[in-house]
mmCIF file of all heavy atoms, coordinates in Angstrom:
data_MODEL
# 
_entry.id   MODEL 
# 
loop_
_atom_site.group_PDB 
_atom_site.id 
_atom_site.type_symbol 
_atom_site.label_atom_id 
_atom_site.label_alt_id 
_atom_site.label_comp_id 
_atom_site.label_asym_id 
_atom_site.label_entity_id 
_atom_site.label_seq_id 
_atom_site.pdbx_PDB_ins_code 
_atom_site.Cartn_x 
_atom_site.Cartn_y 
_atom_site.Cartn_z 
_atom_site.occupancy 
_atom_site.B_iso_or_equiv 
_atom_site.pdbx_formal_charge 
_atom_site.auth_seq_id 
_atom_site.auth_comp_id 
_atom_site.auth_asym_id 
_atom_site.auth_atom_id 
_atom_site.pdbx_PDB_model_num 
ATOM 1   N N   . VAL A 1 1  ? -31.499 -51.298 -90.899  1.00 0.00 ? 1  VAL A N   1 
ATOM 2   C CA  . VAL A 1 1  ? -31.774 -52.012 -92.087  1.00 0.00 ? 1  VAL A CA  1 
ATOM 3   C C   . VAL A 1 1  ? -33.239 -51.968 -92.500  1.00 0.00 ? 1  VAL A C   1 
ATOM 4   O O   . VAL A 1 1  ? -33.565 -51.774 -93.710  1.00 0.00 ? 1  VAL A O   1 
ATOM 5   C CB  . VAL A 1 1  ? -31.313 -53.519 -91.919  1.00 0.00 ? 1  VAL A CB  1 
ATOM 6   C CG1 . VAL A 1 1  ? -31.888 -54.393 -93.104  1.00 0.00 ? 1  VAL A CG1 1 
ATOM 7   C CG2 . VAL A 1 1  ? -29.798 -53.687 -91.914  1.00 0.00 ? 1  VAL A CG2 1 
ATOM 8   N N   . LEU A 1 2  ? -34.090 -52.087 -91.505  1.00 0.00 ? 2  LEU A N   1 
ATOM 9   C CA  . LEU A 1 2  ? -35.550 -51.970 -91.731  1.00 0.00 ? 2  LEU A CA  1 
ATOM 10  C C   . LEU A 1 2  ? -35.892 -50.510 -92.258  1.00 0.00 ? 2  LEU A C   1 
ATOM 11  O O   . LEU A 1 2  ? -36.674 -50.411 -93.206  1.00 0.00 ? 2  LEU A O   1 
ATOM 12  C CB  . LEU A 1 2  ? -36.372 -52.236 -90.540  1.00 0.00 ? 2  LEU A CB  1 
ATOM 13  C CG  . LEU A 1 2  ? -36.511 -53.659 -90.205  1.00 0.00 ? 2  LEU A CG  1 
ATOM 14  C CD1 . LEU A 1 2  ? -37.258 -53.761 -88.891  1.00 0.00 ? 2  LEU A CD1 1 
ATOM 15  C CD2 . LEU A 1 2  ? -37.317 -54.374 -91.258  1.00 0.00 ? 2  LEU A CD2 1 
ATOM 16  N N   . CYS A 1 3  ? -35.202 -49.521 -91.731  1.00 0.00 ? 3  CYS A N   1 
ATOM 17  C CA  . CYS A 1 3  ? -35.477 -48.140 -92.245  1.00 0.00 ? 3  CYS A CA  1 
ATOM 18  C C   . CYS A 1 3  ? -35.023 -47.891 -93.662  1.00 0.00 ? 3  CYS A C   1 
ATOM 19  O O   . CYS A 1 3  ? -35.692 -47.325 -94.452  1.00 0.00 ? 3  CYS A O   1 
ATOM 20  C CB  . CYS A 1 3  ? -34.749 -47.112 -91.295  1.00 0.00 ? 3  CYS A CB  1 
ATOM 21  S SG  . CYS A 1 3  ? -35.566 -46.950 -89.764  1.00 0.00 ? 3  CYS A SG  1 
ATOM 22  N N   . VAL A 1 4  ? -33.840 -48.511 -94.033  1.00 0.00 ? 4  VAL A N   1 
ATOM 23  C CA  . VAL A 1 4  ? -33.345 -48.381 -95.439  1.00 0.00 ? 4  VAL A CA  1 
ATOM 24  C C   . VAL A 1 4  ? -34.272 -49.217 -96.409  1.00 0.00 ? 4  VAL A C   1 
ATOM 25  O O   . VAL A 1 4  ? -34.549 -48.743 -97.433  1.00 0.00 ? 4  VAL A O   1 
ATOM 26  C CB  . VAL A 1 4  ? -31.851 -48.893 -95.474  1.00 0.00 ? 4  VAL A CB  1 
ATOM 27  C CG1 . VAL A 1 4  ? -31.431 -49.065 -96.926  1.00 0.00 ? 4  VAL A CG1 1 
ATOM 28  C CG2 . VAL A 1 4  ? -30.901 -48.031 -94.741  1.00 0.00 ? 4  VAL A CG2 1 
ATOM 29  N N   . PHE A 1 5  ? -34.718 -50.384 -95.946  1.00 0.00 ? 5  PHE A N   1 
ATOM 30  C CA  . PHE A 1 5  ? -35.683 -51.152 -96.736  1.00 0.00 ? 5  PHE A CA  1 
ATOM 31  C C   . PHE A 1 5  ? -36.941 -50.320 -96.949  1.00 0.00 ? 5  PHE A C   1 
ATOM 32  O O   . PHE A 1 5  ? -37.506 -50.311 -98.018  1.00 0.00 ? 5  PHE A O   1 
ATOM 33  C CB  . PHE A 1 5  ? -36.001 -52.490 -96.047  1.00 0.00 ? 5  PHE A CB  1 
ATOM 34  C CG  . PHE A 1 5  ? -36.907 -53.366 -96.865  1.00 0.00 ? 5  PHE A CG  1 
ATOM 35  C CD1 . PHE A 1 5  ? -36.562 -53.986 -97.982  1.00 0.00 ? 5  PHE A CD1 1 
ATOM 36  C CD2 . PHE A 1 5  ? -38.181 -53.580 -96.343  1.00 0.00 ? 5  PHE A CD2 1 
ATOM 37  C CE1 . PHE A 1 5  ? -37.395 -54.772 -98.720  1.00 0.00 ? 5  PHE A CE1 1 
ATOM 38  C CE2 . PHE A 1 5  ? -39.107 -54.399 -97.005  1.00 0.00 ? 5  PHE A CE2 1 
ATOM 39  C CZ  . PHE A 1 5  ? -38.711 -54.951 -98.194  1.00 0.00 ? 5  PHE A CZ  1 
ATOM 40  N N   . ASP A 1 6  ? -37.419 -49.726 -95.878  1.00 0.00 ? 6  ASP A N   1 
ATOM 41  C CA  . ASP A 1 6  ? -38.630 -48.964 -95.970  1.00 0.00 ? 6  ASP A CA  1 
ATOM 42  C C   . ASP A 1 6  ? -38.507 -47.780 -96.837  1.00 0.00 ? 6  ASP A C   1 
ATOM 43  O O   . ASP A 1 6  ? -39.408 -47.330 -97.700  1.00 0.00 ? 6  ASP A O   1 
ATOM 44  C CB  . ASP A 1 6  ? -39.088 -48.484 -94.572  1.00 0.00 ? 6  ASP A CB  1 
ATOM 45  C CG  . ASP A 1 6  ? -40.421 -47.699 -94.543  1.00 0.00 ? 6  ASP A CG  1 
ATOM 46  O OD1 . ASP A 1 6  ? -41.338 -48.298 -95.221  1.00 0.00 ? 6  ASP A OD1 1 
ATOM 47  O OD2 . ASP A 1 6  ? -40.413 -46.651 -93.994  1.00 0.00 ? 6  ASP A OD2 1 
ATOM 48  N N   . LEU A 1 7  ? -37.351 -47.170 -96.878  1.00 0.00 ? 7  LEU A N   1 
ATOM 49  C CA  . LEU A 1 7  ? -37.021 -46.049 -97.738  1.00 0.00 ? 7  LEU A CA  1 
ATOM 50  C C   . LEU A 1 7  ? -37.072 -46.428 -99.270  1.00 0.00 ? 7  LEU A C   1 
ATOM 51  O O   . LEU A 1 7  ? -37.671 -45.758 -100.021 1.00 0.00 ? 7  LEU A O   1 
ATOM 52  C CB  . LEU A 1 7  ? -35.590 -45.461 -97.336  1.00 0.00 ? 7  LEU A CB  1 
ATOM 53  C CG  . LEU A 1 7  ? -35.277 -44.205 -98.132  1.00 0.00 ? 7  LEU A CG  1 
ATOM 54  C CD1 . LEU A 1 7  ? -36.155 -43.065 -97.696  1.00 0.00 ? 7  LEU A CD1 1 
ATOM 55  C CD2 . LEU A 1 7  ? -33.827 -43.837 -97.787  1.00 0.00 ? 7  LEU A CD2 1 
ATOM 56  N N   . PHE A 1 8  ? -36.514 -47.607 -99.574  1.00 0.00 ? 8  PHE A N   1 
ATOM 57  C CA  . PHE A 1 8  ? -36.593 -48.158 -100.961 1.00 0.00 ? 8  PHE A CA  1 
ATOM 58  C C   . PHE A 1 8  ? -37.960 -48.432 -101.410 1.00 0.00 ? 8  PHE A C   1 
ATOM 59  O O   . PHE A 1 8  ? -38.419 -48.152 -102.467 1.00 0.00 ? 8  PHE A O   1 
ATOM 60  C CB  . PHE A 1 8  ? -35.624 -49.397 -101.074 1.00 0.00 ? 8  PHE A CB  1 
ATOM 61  C CG  . PHE A 1 8  ? -34.227 -49.156 -101.214 1.00 0.00 ? 8  PHE A CG  1 
ATOM 62  C CD1 . PHE A 1 8  ? -33.225 -49.609 -100.279 1.00 0.00 ? 8  PHE A CD1 1 
ATOM 63  C CD2 . PHE A 1 8  ? -33.697 -48.269 -102.190 1.00 0.00 ? 8  PHE A CD2 1 
ATOM 64  C CE1 . PHE A 1 8  ? -31.938 -49.415 -100.373 1.00 0.00 ? 8  PHE A CE1 1 
ATOM 65  C CE2 . PHE A 1 8  ? -32.351 -47.947 -102.232 1.00 0.00 ? 8  PHE A CE2 1 
ATOM 66  C CZ  . PHE A 1 8  ? -31.449 -48.671 -101.343 1.00 0.00 ? 8  PHE A CZ  1 
ATOM 67  N N   . LEU A 1 9  ? -38.739 -48.982 -100.435 1.00 0.00 ? 9  LEU A N   1 
ATOM 68  C CA  . LEU A 1 9  ? -40.203 -49.353 -100.728 1.00 0.00 ? 9  LEU A CA  1 
ATOM 69  C C   . LEU A 1 9  ? -40.918 -47.991 -101.045 1.00 0.00 ? 9  LEU A C   1 
ATOM 70  O O   . LEU A 1 9  ? -41.813 -47.959 -101.901 1.00 0.00 ? 9  LEU A O   1 
ATOM 71  C CB  . LEU A 1 9  ? -40.827 -50.077 -99.547  1.00 0.00 ? 9  LEU A CB  1 
ATOM 72  C CG  . LEU A 1 9  ? -40.559 -51.532 -99.504  1.00 0.00 ? 9  LEU A CG  1 
ATOM 73  C CD1 . LEU A 1 9  ? -41.222 -52.208 -98.314  1.00 0.00 ? 9  LEU A CD1 1 
ATOM 74  C CD2 . LEU A 1 9  ? -41.043 -52.249 -100.788 1.00 0.00 ? 9  LEU A CD2 1 
ATOM 75  N N   . THR A 1 10 ? -40.650 -46.979 -100.201 1.00 0.00 ? 10 THR A N   1 
ATOM 76  C CA  . THR A 1 10 ? -41.317 -45.678 -100.393 1.00 0.00 ? 10 THR A CA  1 
ATOM 77  C C   . THR A 1 10 ? -40.917 -45.099 -101.747 1.00 0.00 ? 10 THR A C   1 
ATOM 78  O O   . THR A 1 10 ? -41.769 -44.573 -102.467 1.00 0.00 ? 10 THR A O   1 
ATOM 79  C CB  . THR A 1 10 ? -40.866 -44.749 -99.265  1.00 0.00 ? 10 THR A CB  1 
ATOM 80  O OG1 . THR A 1 10 ? -41.178 -45.293 -97.935  1.00 0.00 ? 10 THR A OG1 1 
ATOM 81  C CG2 . THR A 1 10 ? -41.599 -43.388 -99.396  1.00 0.00 ? 10 THR A CG2 1 
ATOM 82  N N   . PHE A 1 11 ? -39.723 -45.137 -102.088 1.00 0.00 ? 11 PHE A N   1 
ATOM 83  C CA  . PHE A 1 11 ? -39.286 -44.603 -103.463 1.00 0.00 ? 11 PHE A CA  1 
ATOM 84  C C   . PHE A 1 11 ? -39.984 -45.407 -104.568 1.00 0.00 ? 11 PHE A C   1 
ATOM 85  O O   . PHE A 1 11 ? -40.464 -44.908 -105.588 1.00 0.00 ? 11 PHE A O   1 
ATOM 86  C CB  . PHE A 1 11 ? -37.776 -44.670 -103.680 1.00 0.00 ? 11 PHE A CB  1 
ATOM 87  C CG  . PHE A 1 11 ? -37.078 -43.593 -102.917 1.00 0.00 ? 11 PHE A CG  1 
ATOM 88  C CD1 . PHE A 1 11 ? -35.865 -43.873 -102.260 1.00 0.00 ? 11 PHE A CD1 1 
ATOM 89  C CD2 . PHE A 1 11 ? -37.594 -42.296 -102.911 1.00 0.00 ? 11 PHE A CD2 1 
ATOM 90  C CE1 . PHE A 1 11 ? -35.202 -42.949 -101.640 1.00 0.00 ? 11 PHE A CE1 1 
ATOM 91  C CE2 . PHE A 1 11 ? -36.844 -41.352 -102.180 1.00 0.00 ? 11 PHE A CE2 1 
ATOM 92  C CZ  . PHE A 1 11 ? -35.738 -41.625 -101.537 1.00 0.00 ? 11 PHE A CZ  1 
ATOM 93  N N   . ALA A 1 12 ? -40.188 -46.744 -104.384 1.00 0.00 ? 12 ALA A N   1 
ATOM 94  C CA  . ALA A 1 12 ? -40.844 -47.515 -105.496 1.00 0.00 ? 12 ALA A CA  1 
ATOM 95  C C   . ALA A 1 12 ? -42.322 -47.224 -105.562 1.00 0.00 ? 12 ALA A C   1 
ATOM 96  O O   . ALA A 1 12 ? -42.882 -47.097 -106.654 1.00 0.00 ? 12 ALA A O   1 
ATOM 97  C CB  . ALA A 1 12 ? -40.608 -49.070 -105.082 1.00 0.00 ? 12 ALA A CB  1 
ATOM 98  N N   . VAL A 1 13 ? -42.949 -46.986 -104.432 1.00 0.00 ? 13 VAL A N   1 
ATOM 99  C CA  . VAL A 1 13 ? -44.352 -46.535 -104.356 1.00 0.00 ? 13 VAL A CA  1 
ATOM 100 C C   . VAL A 1 13 ? -44.481 -45.168 -105.042 1.00 0.00 ? 13 VAL A C   1 
ATOM 101 O O   . VAL A 1 13 ? -45.413 -44.949 -105.833 1.00 0.00 ? 13 VAL A O   1 
ATOM 102 C CB  . VAL A 1 13 ? -44.906 -46.629 -102.946 1.00 0.00 ? 13 VAL A CB  1 
ATOM 103 C CG1 . VAL A 1 13 ? -46.287 -45.915 -102.880 1.00 0.00 ? 13 VAL A CG1 1 
ATOM 104 C CG2 . VAL A 1 13 ? -44.977 -48.026 -102.481 1.00 0.00 ? 13 VAL A CG2 1 
ATOM 105 N N   . LEU A 1 14 ? -43.613 -44.297 -104.701 1.00 0.00 ? 14 LEU A N   1 
ATOM 106 C CA  . LEU A 1 14 ? -43.734 -42.893 -105.284 1.00 0.00 ? 14 LEU A CA  1 
ATOM 107 C C   . LEU A 1 14 ? -43.549 -42.958 -106.804 1.00 0.00 ? 14 LEU A C   1 
ATOM 108 O O   . LEU A 1 14 ? -44.223 -42.295 -107.660 1.00 0.00 ? 14 LEU A O   1 
ATOM 109 C CB  . LEU A 1 14 ? -42.700 -41.986 -104.691 1.00 0.00 ? 14 LEU A CB  1 
ATOM 110 C CG  . LEU A 1 14 ? -42.933 -41.537 -103.249 1.00 0.00 ? 14 LEU A CG  1 
ATOM 111 C CD1 . LEU A 1 14 ? -41.862 -40.731 -102.684 1.00 0.00 ? 14 LEU A CD1 1 
ATOM 112 C CD2 . LEU A 1 14 ? -44.291 -40.668 -103.197 1.00 0.00 ? 14 LEU A CD2 1 
ATOM 113 N N   . ARG A 1 15 ? -42.665 -43.797 -107.337 1.00 0.00 ? 15 ARG A N   1 
ATOM 114 C CA  . ARG A 1 15 ? -42.459 -43.913 -108.745 1.00 0.00 ? 15 ARG A CA  1 
ATOM 115 C C   . ARG A 1 15 ? -43.695 -44.440 -109.424 1.00 0.00 ? 15 ARG A C   1 
ATOM 116 O O   . ARG A 1 15 ? -44.101 -44.013 -110.469 1.00 0.00 ? 15 ARG A O   1 
ATOM 117 C CB  . ARG A 1 15 ? -41.150 -44.863 -108.996 1.00 0.00 ? 15 ARG A CB  1 
ATOM 118 C CG  . ARG A 1 15 ? -40.834 -44.890 -110.567 1.00 0.00 ? 15 ARG A CG  1 
ATOM 119 C CD  . ARG A 1 15 ? -39.820 -45.847 -110.836 1.00 0.00 ? 15 ARG A CD  1 
ATOM 120 N NE  . ARG A 1 15 ? -40.349 -47.198 -110.541 1.00 0.00 ? 15 ARG A NE  1 
ATOM 121 C CZ  . ARG A 1 15 ? -39.596 -48.307 -110.479 1.00 0.00 ? 15 ARG A CZ  1 
ATOM 122 N NH1 . ARG A 1 15 ? -38.326 -48.273 -110.586 1.00 0.00 ? 15 ARG A NH1 1 
ATOM 123 N NH2 . ARG A 1 15 ? -40.169 -49.395 -110.206 1.00 0.00 ? 15 ARG A NH2 1 
ATOM 124 N N   . ARG A 1 16 ? -44.253 -45.532 -108.810 1.00 0.00 ? 16 ARG A N   1 
ATOM 125 C CA  . ARG A 1 16 ? -45.489 -46.102 -109.318 1.00 0.00 ? 16 ARG A CA  1 
ATOM 126 C C   . ARG A 1 16 ? -46.657 -45.142 -109.396 1.00 0.00 ? 16 ARG A C   1 
ATOM 127 O O   . ARG A 1 16 ? -47.426 -45.085 -110.256 1.00 0.00 ? 16 ARG A O   1 
ATOM 128 C CB  . ARG A 1 16 ? -45.822 -47.365 -108.539 1.00 0.00 ? 16 ARG A CB  1 
ATOM 129 C CG  . ARG A 1 16 ? -47.050 -48.069 -108.946 1.00 0.00 ? 16 ARG A CG  1 
ATOM 130 C CD  . ARG A 1 16 ? -46.983 -48.617 -110.379 1.00 0.00 ? 16 ARG A CD  1 
ATOM 131 N NE  . ARG A 1 16 ? -46.058 -49.760 -110.484 1.00 0.00 ? 16 ARG A NE  1 
ATOM 132 C CZ  . ARG A 1 16 ? -46.331 -50.970 -110.721 1.00 0.00 ? 16 ARG A CZ  1 
ATOM 133 N NH1 . ARG A 1 16 ? -47.513 -51.261 -110.777 1.00 0.00 ? 16 ARG A NH1 1 
ATOM 134 N NH2 . ARG A 1 16 ? -45.378 -51.898 -110.710 1.00 0.00 ? 16 ARG A NH2 1 
ATOM 135 N N   . LEU A 1 17 ? -46.731 -44.294 -108.328 1.00 0.00 ? 17 LEU A N   1 
ATOM 136 C CA  . LEU A 1 17 ? -47.797 -43.355 -108.237 1.00 0.00 ? 17 LEU A CA  1 
ATOM 137 C C   . LEU A 1 17 ? -47.640 -42.247 -109.371 1.00 0.00 ? 17 LEU A C   1 
ATOM 138 O O   . LEU A 1 17 ? -48.642 -41.829 -109.896 1.00 0.00 ? 17 LEU A O   1 
ATOM 139 C CB  . LEU A 1 17 ? -47.717 -42.622 -106.845 1.00 0.00 ? 17 LEU A CB  1 
ATOM 140 C CG  . LEU A 1 17 ? -48.386 -43.314 -105.772 1.00 0.00 ? 17 LEU A CG  1 
ATOM 141 C CD1 . LEU A 1 17 ? -48.235 -42.656 -104.381 1.00 0.00 ? 17 LEU A CD1 1 
ATOM 142 C CD2 . LEU A 1 17 ? -49.890 -43.457 -105.998 1.00 0.00 ? 17 LEU A CD2 1 
ATOM 143 N N   . ARG A 1 18 ? -46.289 -41.891 -109.662 1.00 0.00 ? 18 ARG A N   1 
ATOM 144 C CA  . ARG A 1 18 ? -46.159 -40.917 -110.673 1.00 0.00 ? 18 ARG A CA  1 
ATOM 145 C C   . ARG A 1 18 ? -46.606 -41.444 -112.009 1.00 0.00 ? 18 ARG A C   1 
ATOM 146 O O   . ARG A 1 18 ? -47.158 -40.918 -112.881 1.00 0.00 ? 18 ARG A O   1 
ATOM 147 C CB  . ARG A 1 18 ? -44.633 -40.571 -110.825 1.00 0.00 ? 18 ARG A CB  1 
ATOM 148 C CG  . ARG A 1 18 ? -44.392 -39.190 -110.154 1.00 0.00 ? 18 ARG A CG  1 
ATOM 149 C CD  . ARG A 1 18 ? -42.911 -38.804 -110.339 1.00 0.00 ? 18 ARG A CD  1 
ATOM 150 N NE  . ARG A 1 18 ? -42.288 -38.858 -109.033 1.00 0.00 ? 18 ARG A NE  1 
ATOM 151 C CZ  . ARG A 1 18 ? -41.225 -39.544 -108.842 1.00 0.00 ? 18 ARG A CZ  1 
ATOM 152 N NH1 . ARG A 1 18 ? -40.648 -40.273 -109.687 1.00 0.00 ? 18 ARG A NH1 1 
ATOM 153 N NH2 . ARG A 1 18 ? -40.722 -39.653 -107.598 1.00 0.00 ? 18 ARG A NH2 1 
ATOM 154 N N   . GLU A 1 19 ? -46.292 -42.831 -112.281 1.00 0.00 ? 19 GLU A N   1 
ATOM 155 C CA  . GLU A 1 19 ? -46.645 -43.541 -113.571 1.00 0.00 ? 19 GLU A CA  1 
ATOM 156 C C   . GLU A 1 19 ? -48.179 -43.579 -113.629 1.00 0.00 ? 19 GLU A C   1 
ATOM 157 O O   . GLU A 1 19 ? -48.666 -43.259 -114.742 1.00 0.00 ? 19 GLU A O   1 
ATOM 158 C CB  . GLU A 1 19 ? -46.010 -44.911 -113.589 1.00 0.00 ? 19 GLU A CB  1 
ATOM 159 C CG  . GLU A 1 19 ? -44.582 -44.958 -113.794 1.00 0.00 ? 19 GLU A CG  1 
ATOM 160 C CD  . GLU A 1 19 ? -44.006 -46.340 -113.633 1.00 0.00 ? 19 GLU A CD  1 
ATOM 161 O OE1 . GLU A 1 19 ? -44.796 -47.284 -113.354 1.00 0.00 ? 19 GLU A OE1 1 
ATOM 162 O OE2 . GLU A 1 19 ? -42.789 -46.440 -113.694 1.00 0.00 ? 19 GLU A OE2 1 
ATOM 163 N N   . ASN A 1 20 ? -48.847 -43.924 -112.550 1.00 0.00 ? 20 ASN A N   1 
ATOM 164 C CA  . ASN A 1 20 ? -50.287 -44.098 -112.610 1.00 0.00 ? 20 ASN A CA  1 
ATOM 165 C C   . ASN A 1 20 ? -50.942 -42.707 -112.797 1.00 0.00 ? 20 ASN A C   1 
ATOM 166 O O   . ASN A 1 20 ? -51.970 -42.657 -113.378 1.00 0.00 ? 20 ASN A O   1 
ATOM 167 C CB  . ASN A 1 20 ? -50.810 -44.782 -111.338 1.00 0.00 ? 20 ASN A CB  1 
ATOM 168 C CG  . ASN A 1 20 ? -50.459 -46.267 -111.333 1.00 0.00 ? 20 ASN A CG  1 
ATOM 169 O OD1 . ASN A 1 20 ? -50.085 -46.806 -112.398 1.00 0.00 ? 20 ASN A OD1 1 
ATOM 170 N ND2 . ASN A 1 20 ? -50.551 -46.918 -110.152 1.00 0.00 ? 20 ASN A ND2 1 
ATOM 171 N N   . THR A 1 21 ? -50.422 -41.701 -112.093 1.00 0.00 ? 21 THR A N   1 
ATOM 172 C CA  . THR A 1 21 ? -50.954 -40.386 -112.296 1.00 0.00 ? 21 THR A CA  1 
ATOM 173 C C   . THR A 1 21 ? -50.868 -39.914 -113.785 1.00 0.00 ? 21 THR A C   1 
ATOM 174 O O   . THR A 1 21 ? -51.877 -39.317 -114.246 1.00 0.00 ? 21 THR A O   1 
ATOM 175 C CB  . THR A 1 21 ? -50.248 -39.352 -111.326 1.00 0.00 ? 21 THR A CB  1 
ATOM 176 O OG1 . THR A 1 21 ? -50.296 -39.811 -109.978 1.00 0.00 ? 21 THR A OG1 1 
ATOM 177 C CG2 . THR A 1 21 ? -50.762 -37.979 -111.499 1.00 0.00 ? 21 THR A CG2 1 
ATOM 178 N N   . ALA A 1 22 ? -49.848 -40.161 -114.397 1.00 0.00 ? 22 ALA A N   1 
ATOM 179 C CA  . ALA A 1 22 ? -49.668 -39.766 -115.783 1.00 0.00 ? 22 ALA A CA  1 
ATOM 180 C C   . ALA A 1 22 ? -50.722 -40.569 -116.645 1.00 0.00 ? 22 ALA A C   1 
ATOM 181 O O   . ALA A 1 22 ? -51.330 -39.961 -117.476 1.00 0.00 ? 22 ALA A O   1 
ATOM 182 C CB  . ALA A 1 22 ? -48.336 -40.025 -116.275 1.00 0.00 ? 22 ALA A CB  1 
ATOM 183 N N   . GLU A 1 23 ? -50.953 -41.838 -116.315 1.00 0.00 ? 23 GLU A N   1 
ATOM 184 C CA  . GLU A 1 23 ? -51.850 -42.659 -117.039 1.00 0.00 ? 23 GLU A CA  1 
ATOM 185 C C   . GLU A 1 23 ? -53.305 -42.166 -116.793 1.00 0.00 ? 23 GLU A C   1 
ATOM 186 O O   . GLU A 1 23 ? -54.168 -42.070 -117.666 1.00 0.00 ? 23 GLU A O   1 
ATOM 187 C CB  . GLU A 1 23 ? -51.895 -44.070 -116.654 1.00 0.00 ? 23 GLU A CB  1 
ATOM 188 C CG  . GLU A 1 23 ? -52.715 -45.031 -117.369 1.00 0.00 ? 23 GLU A CG  1 
ATOM 189 C CD  . GLU A 1 23 ? -52.458 -45.115 -118.877 1.00 0.00 ? 23 GLU A CD  1 
ATOM 190 O OE1 . GLU A 1 23 ? -51.384 -44.691 -119.373 1.00 0.00 ? 23 GLU A OE1 1 
ATOM 191 O OE2 . GLU A 1 23 ? -53.375 -45.592 -119.608 1.00 0.00 ? 23 GLU A OE2 1 
ATOM 192 N N   . LEU A 1 24 ? -53.615 -41.818 -115.480 1.00 0.00 ? 24 LEU A N   1 
ATOM 193 C CA  . LEU A 1 24 ? -54.946 -41.315 -115.184 1.00 0.00 ? 24 LEU A CA  1 
ATOM 194 C C   . LEU A 1 24 ? -55.204 -39.962 -115.852 1.00 0.00 ? 24 LEU A C   1 
ATOM 195 O O   . LEU A 1 24 ? -56.316 -39.668 -116.264 1.00 0.00 ? 24 LEU A O   1 
ATOM 196 C CB  . LEU A 1 24 ? -55.092 -41.159 -113.701 1.00 0.00 ? 24 LEU A CB  1 
ATOM 197 C CG  . LEU A 1 24 ? -55.288 -42.504 -112.974 1.00 0.00 ? 24 LEU A CG  1 
ATOM 198 C CD1 . LEU A 1 24 ? -55.250 -42.316 -111.370 1.00 0.00 ? 24 LEU A CD1 1 
ATOM 199 C CD2 . LEU A 1 24 ? -56.597 -43.156 -113.318 1.00 0.00 ? 24 LEU A CD2 1 
ATOM 200 N N   . ASP A 1 25 ? -54.176 -39.136 -115.889 1.00 0.00 ? 25 ASP A N   1 
ATOM 201 C CA  . ASP A 1 25 ? -54.285 -37.778 -116.564 1.00 0.00 ? 25 ASP A CA  1 
ATOM 202 C C   . ASP A 1 25 ? -54.710 -38.063 -118.022 1.00 0.00 ? 25 ASP A C   1 
ATOM 203 O O   . ASP A 1 25 ? -55.483 -37.327 -118.623 1.00 0.00 ? 25 ASP A O   1 
ATOM 204 C CB  . ASP A 1 25 ? -53.030 -36.938 -116.441 1.00 0.00 ? 25 ASP A CB  1 
ATOM 205 C CG  . ASP A 1 25 ? -52.909 -36.445 -115.020 1.00 0.00 ? 25 ASP A CG  1 
ATOM 206 O OD1 . ASP A 1 25 ? -53.935 -36.436 -114.277 1.00 0.00 ? 25 ASP A OD1 1 
ATOM 207 O OD2 . ASP A 1 25 ? -51.751 -35.999 -114.644 1.00 0.00 ? 25 ASP A OD2 1 
# 
């Protein structure tokens, strides 16, 4: 369960990084 939760958090962080990268560009 912790691994699945961590996987969802990782996907959320990656999505946010993509949004921020586009804004920084």
